[in-house]
N, C-alpha and C. Protein backbone atom coordinates (compact mmCIF):
# COMPACT_ATOMS: atom_id res chain seq x y z
N MET A 1 94.61 77.25 46.22
CA MET A 1 96.06 77.64 45.56
C MET A 1 96.67 78.67 46.12
N SER A 2 98.00 78.70 46.46
CA SER A 2 98.59 79.77 47.06
C SER A 2 98.68 80.95 46.14
N ALA A 3 98.77 82.15 46.42
CA ALA A 3 98.68 83.28 45.63
C ALA A 3 100.05 83.29 44.94
N ARG A 4 100.15 83.62 43.51
CA ARG A 4 101.40 83.89 42.93
C ARG A 4 101.75 85.30 42.83
N VAL A 5 102.85 85.71 43.54
CA VAL A 5 103.13 87.01 43.87
C VAL A 5 104.58 87.53 43.19
N LEU A 6 104.67 88.46 42.61
CA LEU A 6 105.98 89.09 41.90
C LEU A 6 106.15 90.27 42.63
N VAL A 7 107.39 90.50 43.36
CA VAL A 7 107.92 91.56 44.05
C VAL A 7 109.07 92.12 43.58
N THR A 8 108.91 93.35 43.06
CA THR A 8 110.25 93.92 42.43
C THR A 8 110.93 94.89 43.38
N GLY A 9 112.28 95.19 43.34
CA GLY A 9 112.79 95.84 44.57
C GLY A 9 113.01 95.20 45.64
N ALA A 10 113.24 94.01 45.54
CA ALA A 10 113.10 92.89 46.79
C ALA A 10 114.28 92.83 47.56
N HIS A 11 115.33 93.50 47.14
CA HIS A 11 116.59 93.17 47.92
C HIS A 11 116.67 93.85 49.37
N ARG A 12 115.75 95.04 49.49
CA ARG A 12 115.86 95.73 50.70
C ARG A 12 114.58 96.50 50.68
N GLY A 13 114.53 97.36 51.97
CA GLY A 13 113.35 98.34 52.05
C GLY A 13 112.16 97.64 51.94
N ILE A 14 111.16 98.56 51.17
CA ILE A 14 109.93 98.36 51.12
C ILE A 14 109.59 96.94 50.42
N GLY A 15 110.38 96.73 49.19
CA GLY A 15 110.37 95.38 48.77
C GLY A 15 110.56 94.35 49.64
N SER A 16 111.56 94.37 50.31
CA SER A 16 111.79 93.20 51.12
C SER A 16 110.81 92.94 52.24
N ALA A 17 110.34 94.10 52.79
CA ALA A 17 109.28 94.02 53.69
C ALA A 17 107.96 93.39 53.19
N CYS A 18 107.61 93.70 51.95
CA CYS A 18 106.53 93.16 51.28
C CYS A 18 106.49 91.85 50.85
N ALA A 19 107.82 91.38 50.73
CA ALA A 19 108.16 89.93 50.39
C ALA A 19 107.76 88.96 51.47
N CYS A 20 108.61 89.56 52.79
CA CYS A 20 108.16 88.88 54.09
C CYS A 20 106.82 88.91 54.38
N ALA A 21 106.09 89.98 53.98
CA ALA A 21 104.71 89.93 54.51
C ALA A 21 103.81 88.90 53.78
N PHE A 22 104.05 88.85 52.43
CA PHE A 22 103.28 87.85 51.67
C PHE A 22 103.83 86.52 52.06
N ALA A 23 105.05 86.38 52.35
CA ALA A 23 105.45 84.86 52.72
C ALA A 23 104.83 84.28 53.94
N ARG A 24 104.50 85.33 54.82
CA ARG A 24 103.51 84.96 56.15
C ARG A 24 102.36 84.57 55.83
N ALA A 25 101.78 85.06 54.54
CA ALA A 25 100.50 84.75 54.02
C ALA A 25 100.62 83.33 53.05
N GLY A 26 101.76 82.56 53.21
CA GLY A 26 101.86 81.44 52.41
C GLY A 26 101.81 81.63 50.87
N ALA A 27 102.40 82.89 50.41
CA ALA A 27 102.43 83.08 48.98
C ALA A 27 103.43 82.19 48.11
N ARG A 28 103.27 81.96 46.74
CA ARG A 28 104.54 81.50 46.01
C ARG A 28 105.14 82.79 45.47
N LEU A 29 106.47 83.07 45.87
CA LEU A 29 107.13 84.27 45.45
C LEU A 29 108.09 84.37 44.40
N ALA A 30 107.96 85.44 43.69
CA ALA A 30 109.07 85.66 42.81
C ALA A 30 109.48 86.96 43.02
N LEU A 31 110.97 87.11 43.47
CA LEU A 31 111.47 88.11 44.03
C LEU A 31 112.59 88.73 43.09
N ALA A 32 112.57 89.99 42.77
CA ALA A 32 113.41 90.33 41.74
C ALA A 32 113.94 91.94 42.08
N ASP A 33 115.30 91.81 41.78
CA ASP A 33 116.13 92.99 41.91
C ASP A 33 117.22 93.17 41.06
N ILE A 34 117.93 94.44 40.90
CA ILE A 34 118.86 94.42 39.81
C ILE A 34 120.11 93.43 40.30
N ARG A 35 120.11 93.04 41.57
CA ARG A 35 121.09 91.98 41.97
C ARG A 35 120.07 90.97 42.62
N SER A 36 120.48 89.73 42.61
CA SER A 36 119.60 88.76 42.97
C SER A 36 119.39 88.89 44.39
N PRO A 37 118.28 88.86 44.93
CA PRO A 37 117.68 89.32 46.27
C PRO A 37 117.78 88.14 47.18
N GLU A 38 118.91 87.31 47.20
CA GLU A 38 119.21 85.99 47.98
C GLU A 38 118.65 86.26 49.54
N ASN A 39 119.24 87.43 50.11
CA ASN A 39 118.79 87.60 51.61
C ASN A 39 117.37 87.42 51.87
N THR A 40 116.57 88.25 50.91
CA THR A 40 115.25 88.47 51.13
C THR A 40 114.55 86.94 50.73
N ALA A 41 115.19 86.31 49.85
CA ALA A 41 114.44 84.87 49.63
C ALA A 41 114.52 84.07 50.51
N GLU A 42 115.62 84.04 51.24
CA GLU A 42 115.98 83.10 52.62
C GLU A 42 114.97 83.54 53.64
N ALA A 43 115.10 84.85 53.60
CA ALA A 43 113.92 85.35 54.86
C ALA A 43 112.49 84.93 54.70
N ALA A 44 112.17 85.07 53.30
CA ALA A 44 110.76 84.61 52.79
C ALA A 44 110.57 83.14 53.20
N ARG A 45 111.52 82.59 52.80
CA ARG A 45 111.28 80.91 53.13
C ARG A 45 111.08 80.79 54.64
N GLN A 46 111.95 81.36 55.31
CA GLN A 46 111.86 81.18 56.79
C GLN A 46 110.51 81.61 57.38
N ARG A 47 109.81 82.60 56.74
CA ARG A 47 108.45 83.19 57.02
C ARG A 47 107.35 82.16 56.48
N GLY A 48 107.72 81.23 55.76
CA GLY A 48 106.53 80.45 55.40
C GLY A 48 106.12 80.47 53.84
N ALA A 49 106.86 81.14 53.08
CA ALA A 49 106.59 81.21 51.76
C ALA A 49 106.62 79.74 51.06
N VAL A 50 105.66 79.56 50.26
CA VAL A 50 105.25 77.98 49.67
C VAL A 50 106.54 77.72 48.72
N GLU A 51 106.96 78.73 47.93
CA GLU A 51 107.83 78.72 46.97
C GLU A 51 108.44 79.90 46.63
N VAL A 52 109.91 80.14 46.40
CA VAL A 52 110.61 81.35 46.24
C VAL A 52 111.50 81.33 44.98
N LEU A 53 111.20 82.23 44.05
CA LEU A 53 112.14 82.32 43.11
C LEU A 53 112.99 83.67 43.33
N ASP A 54 114.33 83.78 43.34
CA ASP A 54 114.99 84.87 43.43
C ASP A 54 115.58 85.39 41.95
N LEU A 55 115.42 86.29 41.43
CA LEU A 55 115.86 86.75 40.13
C LEU A 55 116.49 88.16 40.13
N ALA A 56 117.49 88.15 39.28
CA ALA A 56 118.17 89.46 39.04
C ALA A 56 117.60 89.93 37.75
N CYS A 57 117.13 91.21 37.90
CA CYS A 57 116.34 91.94 36.97
C CYS A 57 116.57 93.47 37.04
N ASP A 58 117.19 94.00 35.94
CA ASP A 58 117.23 95.61 35.85
C ASP A 58 115.84 95.97 35.29
N VAL A 59 114.97 96.48 35.99
CA VAL A 59 113.76 96.79 35.35
C VAL A 59 113.58 97.85 34.36
N SER A 60 114.52 98.49 34.09
CA SER A 60 114.65 99.52 32.97
C SER A 60 114.79 98.88 31.76
N ASP A 61 115.46 97.57 31.60
CA ASP A 61 115.72 96.83 30.56
C ASP A 61 114.65 96.00 29.89
N ALA A 62 114.25 96.19 28.79
CA ALA A 62 112.94 95.45 28.24
C ALA A 62 113.43 93.84 28.32
N ASN A 63 114.54 93.64 27.53
CA ASN A 63 115.10 92.19 27.73
C ASN A 63 114.88 91.39 28.81
N ALA A 64 115.60 92.19 29.88
CA ALA A 64 115.68 91.63 31.14
C ALA A 64 114.31 91.34 31.76
N VAL A 65 113.24 92.27 31.58
CA VAL A 65 111.90 91.99 32.09
C VAL A 65 111.42 90.97 31.50
N ALA A 66 111.50 91.00 29.94
CA ALA A 66 110.91 89.83 29.46
C ALA A 66 111.31 88.55 29.89
N VAL A 67 112.63 88.46 30.30
CA VAL A 67 113.26 87.14 30.81
C VAL A 67 112.71 86.80 32.04
N MET A 68 112.55 87.98 32.90
CA MET A 68 111.64 87.70 34.33
C MET A 68 110.48 87.03 34.07
N GLY A 69 109.63 87.78 33.17
CA GLY A 69 108.40 87.52 32.93
C GLY A 69 108.31 85.81 32.29
N GLU A 70 109.10 85.40 31.79
CA GLU A 70 109.15 84.12 31.24
C GLU A 70 109.45 83.25 32.32
N ALA A 71 110.40 83.58 33.25
CA ALA A 71 110.74 82.74 34.53
C ALA A 71 109.63 82.62 35.41
N VAL A 72 108.74 83.66 35.38
CA VAL A 72 107.50 83.58 36.33
C VAL A 72 106.67 82.85 35.81
N LYS A 73 106.53 82.70 34.50
CA LYS A 73 105.51 81.95 33.82
C LYS A 73 105.72 80.51 33.84
N THR A 74 106.99 80.07 33.66
CA THR A 74 107.59 78.78 33.70
C THR A 74 107.25 78.03 35.11
N ALA A 75 107.68 78.95 36.14
CA ALA A 75 107.68 78.55 37.31
C ALA A 75 106.12 78.46 38.00
N PHE A 76 105.40 79.34 37.66
CA PHE A 76 104.05 79.52 38.39
C PHE A 76 102.79 79.54 37.29
N GLY A 77 103.20 79.29 36.02
CA GLY A 77 102.04 79.25 35.10
C GLY A 77 101.29 80.51 34.81
N GLY A 78 101.28 81.54 35.85
CA GLY A 78 100.63 82.86 35.65
C GLY A 78 100.92 83.60 36.89
N LEU A 79 100.31 84.63 37.30
CA LEU A 79 100.57 85.66 38.19
C LEU A 79 99.05 86.19 38.82
N ASP A 80 99.13 86.47 40.36
CA ASP A 80 97.87 86.96 40.91
C ASP A 80 98.23 88.23 41.36
N LEU A 81 99.50 88.65 41.59
CA LEU A 81 99.66 89.97 42.10
C LEU A 81 101.15 90.35 41.95
N LEU A 82 101.26 91.85 41.40
CA LEU A 82 102.42 92.47 41.20
C LEU A 82 102.53 93.44 42.38
N VAL A 83 103.72 93.56 43.08
CA VAL A 83 104.05 94.40 43.94
C VAL A 83 105.33 95.38 43.37
N HIS A 84 105.14 96.41 42.92
CA HIS A 84 106.25 96.86 42.23
C HIS A 84 107.12 97.84 42.87
N CYS A 85 108.30 97.58 43.59
CA CYS A 85 108.87 98.60 44.41
C CYS A 85 110.18 99.24 43.95
N ALA A 86 110.46 98.52 42.82
CA ALA A 86 111.92 99.06 42.49
C ALA A 86 111.86 100.57 42.07
N GLY A 87 113.02 101.29 42.41
CA GLY A 87 113.22 102.53 42.04
C GLY A 87 114.38 103.24 42.68
N ILE A 88 114.59 104.48 42.13
CA ILE A 88 115.77 105.30 42.82
C ILE A 88 115.34 106.56 42.97
N ILE A 89 116.25 107.32 43.58
CA ILE A 89 115.84 108.76 44.07
C ILE A 89 117.30 109.62 43.55
N HIS A 90 116.86 110.86 43.53
CA HIS A 90 117.84 111.80 43.05
C HIS A 90 117.64 113.23 43.61
N GLU A 91 118.59 113.76 44.29
CA GLU A 91 118.45 114.95 44.87
C GLU A 91 119.45 115.99 44.30
N ALA A 92 119.01 117.00 43.64
CA ALA A 92 120.09 118.09 43.05
C ALA A 92 119.11 119.18 42.61
N PRO A 93 119.62 120.47 42.93
CA PRO A 93 118.89 121.74 42.23
C PRO A 93 118.77 121.41 40.89
N LEU A 94 117.61 122.08 40.21
CA LEU A 94 117.52 121.78 38.80
C LEU A 94 118.53 122.22 37.84
N LEU A 95 119.34 123.39 38.25
CA LEU A 95 120.44 123.89 37.50
C LEU A 95 121.52 123.00 37.65
N ASP A 96 121.63 122.13 38.45
CA ASP A 96 122.79 121.16 38.84
C ASP A 96 122.46 119.96 38.41
N THR A 97 121.44 119.52 37.74
CA THR A 97 120.89 118.34 37.23
C THR A 97 121.15 118.06 35.85
N PRO A 98 122.25 117.21 35.45
CA PRO A 98 122.33 116.96 34.09
C PRO A 98 121.42 116.18 33.60
N VAL A 99 121.29 116.23 32.07
CA VAL A 99 120.13 115.37 31.43
C VAL A 99 120.37 113.79 31.64
N ALA A 100 121.46 113.49 31.86
CA ALA A 100 121.72 112.09 31.97
C ALA A 100 121.23 111.65 33.46
N ASP A 101 121.17 112.45 34.37
CA ASP A 101 120.68 111.94 35.69
C ASP A 101 119.01 112.05 35.71
N PHE A 102 118.41 113.05 34.75
CA PHE A 102 117.05 113.00 34.73
C PHE A 102 116.64 111.67 33.77
N ASP A 103 117.43 111.37 32.95
CA ASP A 103 117.00 110.22 31.99
C ASP A 103 117.18 109.01 32.92
N ARG A 104 118.01 108.76 33.73
CA ARG A 104 118.28 107.63 34.65
C ARG A 104 117.11 107.33 35.59
N VAL A 105 116.81 108.58 36.26
CA VAL A 105 115.62 108.57 36.98
C VAL A 105 114.33 107.79 36.46
N ILE A 106 114.08 108.68 35.15
CA ILE A 106 112.92 108.44 34.51
C ILE A 106 112.92 107.14 33.87
N THR A 107 114.13 106.68 33.38
CA THR A 107 114.25 105.45 33.03
C THR A 107 113.78 104.26 33.90
N VAL A 108 114.38 104.22 35.15
CA VAL A 108 114.30 103.21 36.05
C VAL A 108 112.86 103.13 36.61
N ASN A 109 112.42 104.57 37.10
CA ASN A 109 111.07 104.72 37.79
C ASN A 109 109.93 104.77 37.03
N LEU A 110 109.99 105.14 35.88
CA LEU A 110 108.84 105.34 35.05
C LEU A 110 108.82 104.16 33.76
N ARG A 111 110.00 104.11 33.07
CA ARG A 111 109.84 103.18 32.32
C ARG A 111 109.93 101.69 32.67
N GLY A 112 110.75 101.52 33.83
CA GLY A 112 110.76 100.24 34.60
C GLY A 112 109.24 99.89 34.95
N SER A 113 108.37 100.97 35.61
CA SER A 113 107.03 100.69 36.10
C SER A 113 106.12 100.20 34.69
N PHE A 114 106.30 100.80 33.58
CA PHE A 114 105.67 100.58 32.46
C PHE A 114 105.98 98.93 31.98
N LEU A 115 107.45 98.72 31.88
CA LEU A 115 107.71 97.32 31.47
C LEU A 115 107.20 96.38 32.51
N VAL A 116 107.63 96.63 33.73
CA VAL A 116 107.24 95.51 34.55
C VAL A 116 105.60 95.18 34.60
N GLY A 117 105.01 96.31 34.69
CA GLY A 117 103.27 96.31 34.63
C GLY A 117 102.95 95.43 33.65
N LYS A 118 103.31 96.00 32.30
CA LYS A 118 102.98 95.42 31.14
C LYS A 118 103.19 93.87 30.98
N THR A 119 104.38 93.65 31.54
CA THR A 119 104.75 92.06 31.55
C THR A 119 103.80 91.33 32.63
N ALA A 120 103.76 91.81 33.72
CA ALA A 120 102.91 91.21 34.92
C ALA A 120 101.63 91.01 34.48
N ILE A 121 100.91 92.17 33.92
CA ILE A 121 99.42 92.03 33.58
C ILE A 121 99.14 90.96 32.42
N ALA A 122 100.23 90.74 31.38
CA ALA A 122 100.03 89.91 30.62
C ALA A 122 100.02 88.20 31.10
N LEU A 123 100.42 88.21 32.25
CA LEU A 123 100.48 87.00 33.21
C LEU A 123 99.27 86.67 34.01
N MET A 124 98.48 87.82 34.06
CA MET A 124 97.28 87.51 34.95
C MET A 124 96.20 87.21 34.28
N GLU A 125 95.25 86.46 35.07
CA GLU A 125 93.95 85.92 34.36
C GLU A 125 92.94 86.65 35.21
N GLY A 126 92.68 86.64 36.45
CA GLY A 126 91.75 87.29 37.23
C GLY A 126 90.44 87.03 36.63
N GLY A 127 89.33 87.91 37.38
CA GLY A 127 88.10 87.93 36.96
C GLY A 127 87.21 88.71 37.93
N GLU A 128 85.85 88.65 37.68
CA GLU A 128 85.27 89.37 38.83
C GLU A 128 85.12 88.88 40.12
N GLN A 129 85.15 87.54 40.21
CA GLN A 129 85.05 86.57 41.56
C GLN A 129 86.50 86.83 42.13
N ALA A 130 87.64 86.76 41.60
CA ALA A 130 88.83 86.63 42.01
C ALA A 130 89.98 87.82 41.12
N PRO A 131 89.74 88.85 41.30
CA PRO A 131 90.70 89.82 40.60
C PRO A 131 92.01 89.67 40.93
N ALA A 132 92.74 89.78 39.90
CA ALA A 132 94.27 89.83 40.22
C ALA A 132 94.44 91.28 40.63
N ARG A 133 95.77 91.70 41.12
CA ARG A 133 95.92 92.89 41.59
C ARG A 133 97.24 93.40 41.18
N VAL A 134 97.56 94.72 40.98
CA VAL A 134 98.69 95.45 40.50
C VAL A 134 98.81 96.58 41.72
N ILE A 135 100.00 96.49 42.34
CA ILE A 135 100.22 97.53 43.43
C ILE A 135 101.48 98.05 43.08
N MET A 136 101.62 99.56 42.82
CA MET A 136 102.71 100.23 42.43
C MET A 136 103.04 101.16 43.64
N ILE A 137 104.37 101.14 43.87
CA ILE A 137 104.92 102.12 44.97
C ILE A 137 105.18 103.48 44.32
N ALA A 138 104.44 104.45 44.71
CA ALA A 138 104.83 105.73 44.12
C ALA A 138 105.40 106.55 45.32
N SER A 139 104.75 107.85 45.38
CA SER A 139 105.37 108.62 46.47
C SER A 139 104.64 109.93 46.67
N ASP A 140 104.43 110.17 47.94
CA ASP A 140 103.42 111.44 48.32
C ASP A 140 103.97 112.70 47.59
N MET A 141 105.38 112.62 47.33
CA MET A 141 105.82 113.70 46.36
C MET A 141 105.23 113.96 45.15
N ALA A 142 104.61 112.82 44.54
CA ALA A 142 103.94 112.90 43.24
C ALA A 142 102.56 113.97 43.18
N TYR A 143 102.32 114.21 44.65
CA TYR A 143 101.01 115.01 44.66
C TYR A 143 101.44 116.33 44.91
N TYR A 144 102.50 116.46 45.68
CA TYR A 144 102.70 118.03 46.28
C TYR A 144 104.29 118.58 45.60
N GLY A 145 104.95 117.79 44.99
CA GLY A 145 106.12 118.44 44.48
C GLY A 145 107.13 118.39 45.69
N ARG A 146 108.43 118.83 45.22
CA ARG A 146 109.42 118.93 46.04
C ARG A 146 110.78 119.78 45.43
N GLU A 147 110.96 120.86 45.62
CA GLU A 147 112.20 121.32 45.12
C GLU A 147 113.40 120.46 45.37
N THR A 148 114.18 120.58 44.35
CA THR A 148 115.72 119.85 44.31
C THR A 148 115.30 118.23 43.97
N PHE A 149 114.06 118.02 43.68
CA PHE A 149 113.67 116.62 43.31
C PHE A 149 112.73 116.53 42.21
N SER A 150 112.98 117.31 41.32
CA SER A 150 112.14 117.26 40.12
C SER A 150 112.00 115.77 39.30
N PRO A 151 113.25 115.48 39.03
CA PRO A 151 113.16 114.20 38.11
C PRO A 151 112.30 112.98 38.94
N TYR A 152 112.74 112.93 40.21
CA TYR A 152 111.89 111.84 41.06
C TYR A 152 110.57 112.26 41.06
N VAL A 153 110.02 113.40 41.35
CA VAL A 153 108.66 113.76 41.64
C VAL A 153 108.00 113.52 40.11
N ALA A 154 108.66 113.90 39.04
CA ALA A 154 108.02 113.69 37.53
C ALA A 154 107.69 112.14 37.28
N SER A 155 108.83 111.37 37.75
CA SER A 155 108.60 109.94 37.65
C SER A 155 107.48 109.25 38.29
N LYS A 156 107.42 109.71 39.54
CA LYS A 156 106.31 109.12 40.40
C LYS A 156 105.04 109.54 40.08
N HIS A 157 105.03 110.89 39.48
CA HIS A 157 103.65 111.45 38.93
C HIS A 157 103.23 110.64 37.91
N GLY A 158 104.25 110.30 37.05
CA GLY A 158 103.99 109.47 35.78
C GLY A 158 103.60 108.01 36.25
N VAL A 159 103.99 107.41 37.28
CA VAL A 159 103.56 106.26 37.76
C VAL A 159 102.06 106.11 38.20
N LEU A 160 101.62 107.32 38.89
CA LEU A 160 100.25 107.58 39.01
C LEU A 160 99.38 107.50 37.82
N GLY A 161 99.92 108.28 36.76
CA GLY A 161 99.03 108.16 35.49
C GLY A 161 98.95 106.82 34.78
N LEU A 162 100.07 105.99 34.92
CA LEU A 162 99.90 104.56 34.54
C LEU A 162 98.76 103.77 35.21
N VAL A 163 98.83 103.89 36.60
CA VAL A 163 97.90 103.38 37.31
C VAL A 163 96.39 103.72 37.11
N ARG A 164 96.22 104.95 36.91
CA ARG A 164 94.94 105.32 36.69
C ARG A 164 94.22 104.83 35.39
N SER A 165 95.33 104.89 34.26
CA SER A 165 94.90 104.51 33.12
C SER A 165 94.56 102.83 33.04
N TRP A 166 95.57 102.13 33.71
CA TRP A 166 95.31 100.57 33.65
C TRP A 166 94.17 100.38 34.59
N ALA A 167 93.83 101.10 35.54
CA ALA A 167 92.55 100.66 36.29
C ALA A 167 91.53 100.64 35.52
N LYS A 168 91.32 101.70 34.56
CA LYS A 168 90.27 101.72 33.78
C LYS A 168 90.16 100.70 32.71
N GLU A 169 91.43 100.53 32.31
CA GLU A 169 91.65 99.54 31.03
C GLU A 169 91.24 98.08 31.47
N PHE A 170 91.51 97.71 32.66
CA PHE A 170 91.73 96.13 33.14
C PHE A 170 90.57 95.99 34.04
N ALA A 171 89.73 96.87 34.59
CA ALA A 171 88.62 96.64 35.55
C ALA A 171 87.39 95.86 34.86
N PRO A 172 86.89 94.93 35.39
CA PRO A 172 87.24 94.37 36.89
C PRO A 172 88.15 93.21 37.11
N ARG A 173 88.66 92.87 35.91
CA ARG A 173 89.58 91.57 35.93
C ARG A 173 90.65 91.83 36.79
N ILE A 174 91.40 92.90 36.80
CA ILE A 174 92.55 93.34 37.48
C ILE A 174 92.45 94.64 37.94
N LEU A 175 92.66 94.69 39.38
CA LEU A 175 92.52 95.96 40.20
C LEU A 175 94.11 96.64 40.29
N VAL A 176 94.14 97.78 39.94
CA VAL A 176 95.28 98.58 39.84
C VAL A 176 95.48 99.79 40.89
N ASN A 177 96.33 99.75 41.66
CA ASN A 177 96.33 100.78 42.58
C ASN A 177 97.98 101.14 42.99
N ALA A 178 98.01 102.24 43.62
CA ALA A 178 99.57 102.96 44.01
C ALA A 178 99.48 103.05 45.52
N ILE A 179 100.59 102.72 46.12
CA ILE A 179 100.77 103.35 47.45
C ILE A 179 101.63 104.54 47.64
N CYS A 180 101.55 105.56 48.07
CA CYS A 180 102.18 106.70 47.83
C CYS A 180 102.71 107.15 49.51
N PRO A 181 103.84 106.55 49.78
CA PRO A 181 104.31 106.78 51.15
C PRO A 181 105.03 107.97 51.31
N GLY A 182 104.91 108.64 52.65
CA GLY A 182 105.73 109.59 52.88
C GLY A 182 107.06 109.10 53.43
N PRO A 183 107.83 109.70 54.19
CA PRO A 183 109.19 109.47 54.45
C PRO A 183 109.20 108.04 55.07
N ILE A 184 109.85 107.02 54.55
CA ILE A 184 110.07 105.83 55.18
C ILE A 184 111.70 105.38 55.26
N ASP A 185 111.80 104.75 56.46
CA ASP A 185 113.31 104.59 56.89
C ASP A 185 113.84 103.44 56.22
N THR A 186 114.42 103.73 54.98
CA THR A 186 115.09 102.63 54.23
C THR A 186 116.36 103.09 53.93
N GLU A 187 117.24 102.00 53.35
CA GLU A 187 118.69 102.52 52.95
C GLU A 187 118.46 103.76 51.81
N MET A 188 117.64 103.51 50.79
CA MET A 188 117.56 104.54 49.93
C MET A 188 116.92 105.97 50.50
N LEU A 189 115.95 105.97 51.38
CA LEU A 189 115.45 107.06 51.56
C LEU A 189 115.36 107.04 53.24
N GLY A 190 116.67 107.13 53.94
CA GLY A 190 116.67 107.17 55.11
C GLY A 190 117.41 108.38 55.67
N ALA A 191 117.48 108.49 56.91
CA ALA A 191 118.03 109.73 57.47
C ALA A 191 119.61 109.92 57.18
N ALA A 192 120.32 108.76 57.13
CA ALA A 192 121.52 108.93 56.88
C ALA A 192 121.99 109.53 55.31
N ASN A 193 121.04 109.43 54.56
CA ASN A 193 121.30 109.81 53.19
C ASN A 193 120.75 111.30 52.95
N MET A 194 119.98 111.89 53.93
CA MET A 194 119.27 113.28 53.60
C MET A 194 120.39 114.28 54.05
N SER A 195 119.85 115.37 53.45
CA SER A 195 120.55 116.51 53.94
C SER A 195 119.73 117.25 54.85
N ALA A 196 120.37 118.05 55.84
CA ALA A 196 119.75 118.61 56.88
C ALA A 196 118.35 119.22 56.47
N GLU A 197 118.31 120.01 55.46
CA GLU A 197 116.96 120.61 54.94
C GLU A 197 116.13 119.69 54.39
N TRP A 198 116.55 118.57 53.93
CA TRP A 198 115.62 117.65 53.41
C TRP A 198 114.91 116.72 54.56
N ARG A 199 115.74 116.44 55.54
CA ARG A 199 115.24 115.71 56.91
C ARG A 199 114.39 116.67 57.49
N LYS A 200 114.60 117.90 57.65
CA LYS A 200 113.65 118.60 58.51
C LYS A 200 112.09 118.73 57.64
N LYS A 201 112.20 118.80 56.40
CA LYS A 201 111.01 118.84 55.72
C LYS A 201 110.28 117.55 55.73
N GLU A 202 110.88 116.39 55.57
CA GLU A 202 110.42 115.23 55.81
C GLU A 202 109.70 114.87 57.24
N LEU A 203 110.09 115.47 58.23
CA LEU A 203 109.61 115.33 59.48
C LEU A 203 108.56 116.24 59.91
N ALA A 204 108.19 117.10 58.90
CA ALA A 204 107.24 118.21 59.12
C ALA A 204 105.80 117.67 58.75
N ILE A 205 105.42 116.55 59.37
CA ILE A 205 104.03 116.00 59.25
C ILE A 205 103.54 115.60 60.35
N PRO A 206 102.17 115.32 60.37
CA PRO A 206 101.50 115.05 61.84
C PRO A 206 102.12 114.05 62.61
N LEU A 207 102.65 113.02 62.16
CA LEU A 207 103.10 111.90 62.81
C LEU A 207 104.77 112.18 63.41
N ALA A 208 105.31 113.22 62.59
CA ALA A 208 106.60 113.63 63.13
C ALA A 208 107.63 112.58 63.07
N ARG A 209 107.58 111.59 62.45
CA ARG A 209 108.67 110.48 62.37
C ARG A 209 108.60 109.77 60.88
N PHE A 210 109.55 108.90 60.82
CA PHE A 210 109.78 108.17 59.61
C PHE A 210 108.86 106.98 59.53
N GLY A 211 108.21 106.57 58.69
CA GLY A 211 107.41 105.47 58.69
C GLY A 211 108.42 104.07 58.51
N LYS A 212 107.98 102.83 58.63
CA LYS A 212 108.77 101.81 58.65
C LYS A 212 108.13 100.83 57.36
N PRO A 213 109.30 100.29 56.79
CA PRO A 213 108.94 99.48 55.62
C PRO A 213 107.72 98.60 55.90
N GLU A 214 107.69 97.98 57.18
CA GLU A 214 106.62 96.98 57.33
C GLU A 214 105.33 97.63 57.21
N GLU A 215 105.19 98.92 57.68
CA GLU A 215 103.90 99.58 57.49
C GLU A 215 103.56 99.56 56.21
N VAL A 216 104.19 100.00 55.22
CA VAL A 216 103.90 100.05 53.81
C VAL A 216 103.43 98.52 53.53
N ALA A 217 104.13 97.62 53.79
CA ALA A 217 103.79 96.29 53.67
C ALA A 217 102.53 95.80 54.04
N GLU A 218 102.10 96.22 55.03
CA GLU A 218 100.64 96.06 55.75
C GLU A 218 99.60 96.28 54.93
N LEU A 219 99.77 97.73 54.41
CA LEU A 219 98.80 98.36 53.31
C LEU A 219 98.88 97.27 52.00
N ALA A 220 100.03 97.22 51.78
CA ALA A 220 100.00 96.19 50.30
C ALA A 220 99.17 94.92 50.69
N VAL A 221 99.30 94.23 51.91
CA VAL A 221 98.67 92.96 52.15
C VAL A 221 97.15 93.40 52.11
N PHE A 222 96.71 94.54 52.84
CA PHE A 222 95.31 94.82 52.58
C PHE A 222 94.92 94.97 51.20
N LEU A 223 95.27 95.77 50.42
CA LEU A 223 94.99 95.97 48.98
C LEU A 223 94.91 94.66 48.35
N ALA A 224 95.74 93.74 48.45
CA ALA A 224 95.84 92.30 47.74
C ALA A 224 94.75 91.35 48.29
N GLY A 225 94.07 91.79 49.46
CA GLY A 225 93.42 90.88 50.13
C GLY A 225 91.80 91.27 49.95
N SER A 226 90.78 90.42 50.54
CA SER A 226 89.54 90.68 50.28
C SER A 226 88.96 92.11 50.69
N GLY A 227 89.90 92.64 51.59
CA GLY A 227 89.51 94.18 51.95
C GLY A 227 89.58 95.32 50.62
N GLY A 228 90.47 94.87 49.77
CA GLY A 228 90.74 95.53 48.55
C GLY A 228 90.05 95.37 47.34
N ARG A 229 88.94 94.69 47.52
CA ARG A 229 88.11 94.19 46.26
C ARG A 229 87.45 95.54 45.68
N TYR A 230 87.21 96.45 46.43
CA TYR A 230 86.72 97.72 45.87
C TYR A 230 87.54 98.83 45.65
N PHE A 231 88.66 98.62 45.46
CA PHE A 231 89.73 99.68 45.21
C PHE A 231 90.27 99.46 43.94
N THR A 232 90.49 100.39 43.12
CA THR A 232 91.12 100.46 41.88
C THR A 232 91.29 101.95 41.50
N GLY A 233 92.67 102.14 40.88
CA GLY A 233 92.78 103.49 40.35
C GLY A 233 93.07 104.44 41.41
N GLN A 234 93.45 103.97 42.43
CA GLN A 234 93.62 104.79 43.89
C GLN A 234 95.22 105.14 44.18
N GLY A 235 95.63 105.90 44.66
CA GLY A 235 96.93 106.18 45.16
C GLY A 235 97.24 107.43 45.59
């Protein structure tokens, strides 16, 4: 049976790249974004996806996530893999950050991860022979912090807390991991959106370049496959 995969944040960037990567593996895909990811759905079909659902879902809205979960259950009967990529970023000095902006980042990135993860795990059966997988996209900033990004850093640090807790709660039936990319060239986190100081700091890494969404997708495919059978609680 083809793997049943839910990818959030699928309209663009890492989410779109992950959707296309799993399509090439012949997955049955449910693709969700705050607006219907029709572009990625068509690309996934062209790359060999067995079945594709494209769903509009605000991951911070509990009712919308519940509706998404019901759509996946009706179409696929369950779920084998979640790749949760939906998120937003915010750059501003702390003293210039309104509470509303902090709340928005935490609501989308952390509450959204909680809601989507809880809904997906409820649809997973898994077992020691064929464990289901949850892969959350966090950030390297969750480890080392970054000035002027405190709401984003806090949200992604929280995502790692969910991952480590769920890994212990659901092992060995479900394996839960995070991917913590450095700078990836996407519309959300691309050079065109960066201040000069931000860009300089992002490039101060050994590879001295931005990563590609496809490079993150390759890691997601590895974690979802047989090579990832002994990974859980990592990120």
